[in-house]
Each structure stands twice: as C-alpha cells, then as structure tokens.
Protein backbone atom coordinates (compact mmCIF):
# COMPACT_ATOMS: atom_id res chain seq x y z
CA UNK A 1 -88.48 2.16 -32.80
CA UNK A 2 -89.13 -0.99 -34.67
CA UNK A 3 -85.78 -2.31 -33.44
CA UNK A 4 -86.65 -1.51 -29.84
CA UNK A 5 -89.97 -3.33 -30.08
CA UNK A 6 -88.23 -6.23 -31.68
CA UNK A 7 -85.61 -6.26 -28.89
CA UNK A 8 -88.34 -6.13 -26.26
CA UNK A 9 -90.13 -9.00 -27.95
CA UNK A 10 -86.91 -10.98 -28.14
CA UNK A 11 -86.07 -10.33 -24.50
CA UNK A 12 -89.61 -11.28 -23.50
CA UNK A 13 -89.37 -14.32 -25.72
CA UNK A 14 -86.08 -15.32 -24.12
CA UNK A 15 -87.52 -14.73 -20.65
CA UNK A 16 -90.58 -16.79 -21.52
CA UNK A 17 -88.40 -19.59 -22.84
CA UNK A 18 -86.22 -19.50 -19.72
CA UNK A 19 -89.34 -19.49 -17.52
CA UNK A 20 -90.81 -22.45 -19.41
CA UNK A 21 -87.54 -24.41 -19.30
CA UNK A 22 -87.07 -23.76 -15.58
CA UNK A 23 -90.72 -24.68 -14.93
CA UNK A 24 -90.28 -27.92 -16.86
CA UNK A 25 -87.03 -28.61 -15.01
CA UNK A 26 -88.66 -27.95 -11.62
CA UNK A 27 -91.75 -30.02 -12.46
CA UNK A 28 -89.58 -32.89 -13.73
CA UNK A 29 -87.38 -32.76 -10.62
CA UNK A 30 -90.37 -32.67 -8.26
CA UNK A 31 -92.07 -35.50 -10.20
CA UNK A 32 -88.89 -37.62 -10.11
CA UNK A 33 -88.47 -36.99 -6.40
CA UNK A 34 -92.14 -37.80 -5.80
CA UNK A 35 -91.83 -41.05 -7.76
CA UNK A 36 -88.68 -42.02 -5.86
CA UNK A 37 -90.33 -41.14 -2.54
CA UNK A 38 -93.44 -43.15 -3.46
CA UNK A 39 -91.37 -46.17 -4.51
CA UNK A 40 -89.17 -46.11 -1.40
CA UNK A 41 -92.03 -45.47 1.01
CA UNK A 42 -94.21 -48.20 -0.51
CA UNK A 43 -91.33 -50.68 -0.20
CA UNK A 44 -90.77 -49.62 3.40
CA UNK A 45 -94.48 -49.93 4.21
CA UNK A 46 -94.66 -53.38 2.61
CA UNK A 47 -91.55 -54.48 4.49
CA UNK A 48 -92.97 -53.19 7.79
CA UNK A 49 -96.32 -54.87 7.11
CA UNK A 50 -94.59 -58.19 6.37
CA UNK A 51 -92.48 -57.88 9.50
CA UNK A 52 -95.51 -56.98 11.60
CA UNK A 53 -97.49 -59.94 10.21
CA UNK A 54 -94.56 -62.25 10.99
CA UNK A 55 -94.38 -60.91 14.55
CA UNK A 56 -98.12 -61.43 15.03
CA UNK A 57 -97.94 -65.01 13.74
CA UNK A 58 -94.93 -65.67 15.94
CA UNK A 59 -96.71 -64.22 19.00
CA UNK A 60 -99.85 -66.25 18.29
CA UNK A 61 -97.70 -69.37 17.98
CA UNK A 62 -96.07 -68.66 21.33
CA UNK A 63 -99.48 -68.00 22.91
CA UNK A 64 -100.83 -71.29 21.56
CA UNK A 65 -97.76 -73.16 22.84
CA UNK A 66 -98.16 -71.53 26.24
CA UNK A 67 -101.86 -72.40 26.33
CA UNK A 68 -101.22 -76.02 25.33
CA UNK A 69 -98.50 -76.24 27.98
CA UNK A 70 -100.88 -74.88 30.56
CA UNK A 71 -103.59 -77.37 29.57
CA UNK A 72 -101.02 -80.17 29.81
CA UNK A 73 -100.19 -78.96 33.33
CA UNK A 74 -103.85 -78.95 34.28
CA UNK A 75 -104.25 -82.42 32.79
CA UNK A 76 -101.22 -83.65 34.75
CA UNK A 77 -102.66 -82.29 37.97
CA UNK A 78 -105.81 -84.29 37.37
CA UNK A 79 -104.05 -87.35 35.96
CA UNK A 80 -101.75 -87.76 38.97
CA UNK A 81 -104.29 -86.77 41.62
CA UNK A 82 -104.56 -89.67 44.11
CA UNK A 83 -108.24 -89.03 44.91
CA UNK A 84 -109.20 -89.16 41.23
CA UNK A 85 -107.04 -92.22 40.58
CA UNK A 86 -108.48 -94.03 43.58
CA UNK A 87 -112.00 -93.14 42.51
CA UNK A 88 -111.47 -94.30 38.93
CA UNK A 89 -109.65 -97.51 39.93
CA UNK A 90 -112.37 -98.61 42.33
CA UNK A 91 -115.47 -100.15 40.84
CA UNK A 92 -118.54 -98.02 41.52
CA UNK A 93 -120.22 -100.77 43.55
CA UNK A 94 -117.14 -101.01 45.83
CA UNK A 95 -117.06 -97.31 46.68
CA UNK A 96 -118.49 -97.03 50.15
CA UNK A 97 -118.66 -93.21 50.07
CA UNK A 98 -119.09 -92.50 46.37
CA UNK A 99 -120.83 -89.14 46.73
CA UNK A 100 -118.24 -87.74 49.15
CA UNK A 101 -115.42 -88.78 46.80
CA UNK A 102 -117.22 -87.26 43.83
CA UNK A 103 -117.70 -84.01 45.76
CA UNK A 104 -113.97 -83.82 46.52
CA UNK A 105 -113.18 -84.29 42.84
CA UNK A 106 -115.81 -81.76 41.72
CA UNK A 107 -114.39 -79.27 44.24
CA UNK A 108 -110.96 -79.73 42.66
CA UNK A 109 -112.44 -79.25 39.18
CA UNK A 110 -114.28 -76.14 40.34
CA UNK A 111 -111.08 -74.66 41.78
CA UNK A 112 -109.31 -75.22 38.47
CA UNK A 113 -112.23 -73.58 36.67
CA UNK A 114 -112.00 -70.53 38.92
CA UNK A 115 -108.31 -70.10 38.09
CA UNK A 116 -108.97 -69.89 34.35
CA UNK A 117 -112.02 -68.19 32.91
CA UNK A 118 -111.32 -69.66 29.46
CA UNK A 119 -112.03 -73.22 30.65
CA UNK A 120 -115.73 -73.90 30.23
CA UNK A 121 -115.94 -77.40 31.67
CA UNK A 122 -113.77 -80.34 32.64
CA UNK A 123 -114.65 -83.96 31.97
CA UNK A 124 -112.72 -86.96 33.31
CA UNK A 125 -113.45 -90.29 31.65
CA UNK A 126 -112.60 -93.57 33.34
CA UNK A 127 -111.73 -96.76 31.47
CA UNK A 128 -114.92 -98.50 32.50
CA UNK A 129 -117.19 -95.65 31.38
CA UNK A 130 -117.20 -93.54 34.50
CA UNK A 131 -117.57 -89.81 33.91
CA UNK A 132 -116.65 -87.12 36.42
CA UNK A 133 -117.37 -83.51 35.56
CA UNK A 134 -118.06 -80.20 37.16
CA UNK A 135 -121.09 -79.82 34.89
CA UNK A 136 -124.18 -80.38 37.00
CA UNK A 137 -126.54 -81.44 34.22
CA UNK A 138 -124.38 -83.02 31.58
CA UNK A 139 -125.62 -85.46 29.02
CA UNK A 140 -123.41 -87.20 26.50
CA UNK A 141 -124.68 -87.85 23.01
CA UNK A 142 -126.19 -91.31 22.65
CA UNK A 143 -123.80 -92.26 19.87
CA UNK A 144 -120.72 -91.49 22.01
CA UNK A 145 -119.12 -94.53 23.59
CA UNK A 146 -116.40 -93.29 25.93
CA UNK A 147 -114.95 -96.78 26.32
CA UNK A 148 -113.65 -96.79 22.76
C-alpha cells in the first residue's frame, strides 16, 4: 500500500510539474506575443500619427497658398481697376464728382466683401494720402502716416 501511495504521489507530482511547466510556457508565450504586439502597434501608431501630422501641415500650407493667391487676385482686381486708378490719380480738388466716384468704388469693395465672408474690410491708400474704404466710420491711428 505504501508503494501505491508513493506512486500516486509521484504521478500527482509529475502531473503538477507538467501543469506548472505548461502554465509557465503558455504565460511566457502570451507575454512575448503581447510585448511584440505592443511594440509593433506602438510603432504603427507613431508612424500613422507622424504621417497624419505631415498631411495636416501640408494641407494647411496649401490652404495658406490658396488664400494668399486669392488675396493677390483681389488686390489685382483693385489695382488694375480703371475707376480706382482714375480716382487716385486725380487730385481731390480736381474731381468734379468726387462722391459719385467714391460710391462706385465703395460698391466694388462691398461686392468683393460679399463674395468672401473672411474679409473684414478693404482699405485702398493713394500716394498722396487718400484713403478709400468700405468702412463707414473708419479712423486711422494718429501716429500712422500712410504716405511713408
């Protein structure tokens, strides 16, 4: 009987050892796979975040270039407008219908403003200090000399 008990203990001991070794093997394998998965996924996430940030910066750059191009187009429309050029080239005392000319220019500025909601106001400065704007009650700072 003593031998049977001893055999049972040995078989249980062997089973326990096998169970412990397999448990350790499974835990080690799962831990290794988890570490590999974590490392690979964190690298992938970082790579995707870098790529996404690059795409955002690139898109913002294109948007800024587009906006600057649009503002240059608006400026060209005003710069080459014959009514504005005539108004600015004629001395104020020589304009026989100054208010009517100003109203035409302000109407043009207002139409540009209606096309783009991001434009708050438009100012046109002449060489001799003339200012044309769509702002009804504008006032320049006293220290600003537009002739400089």
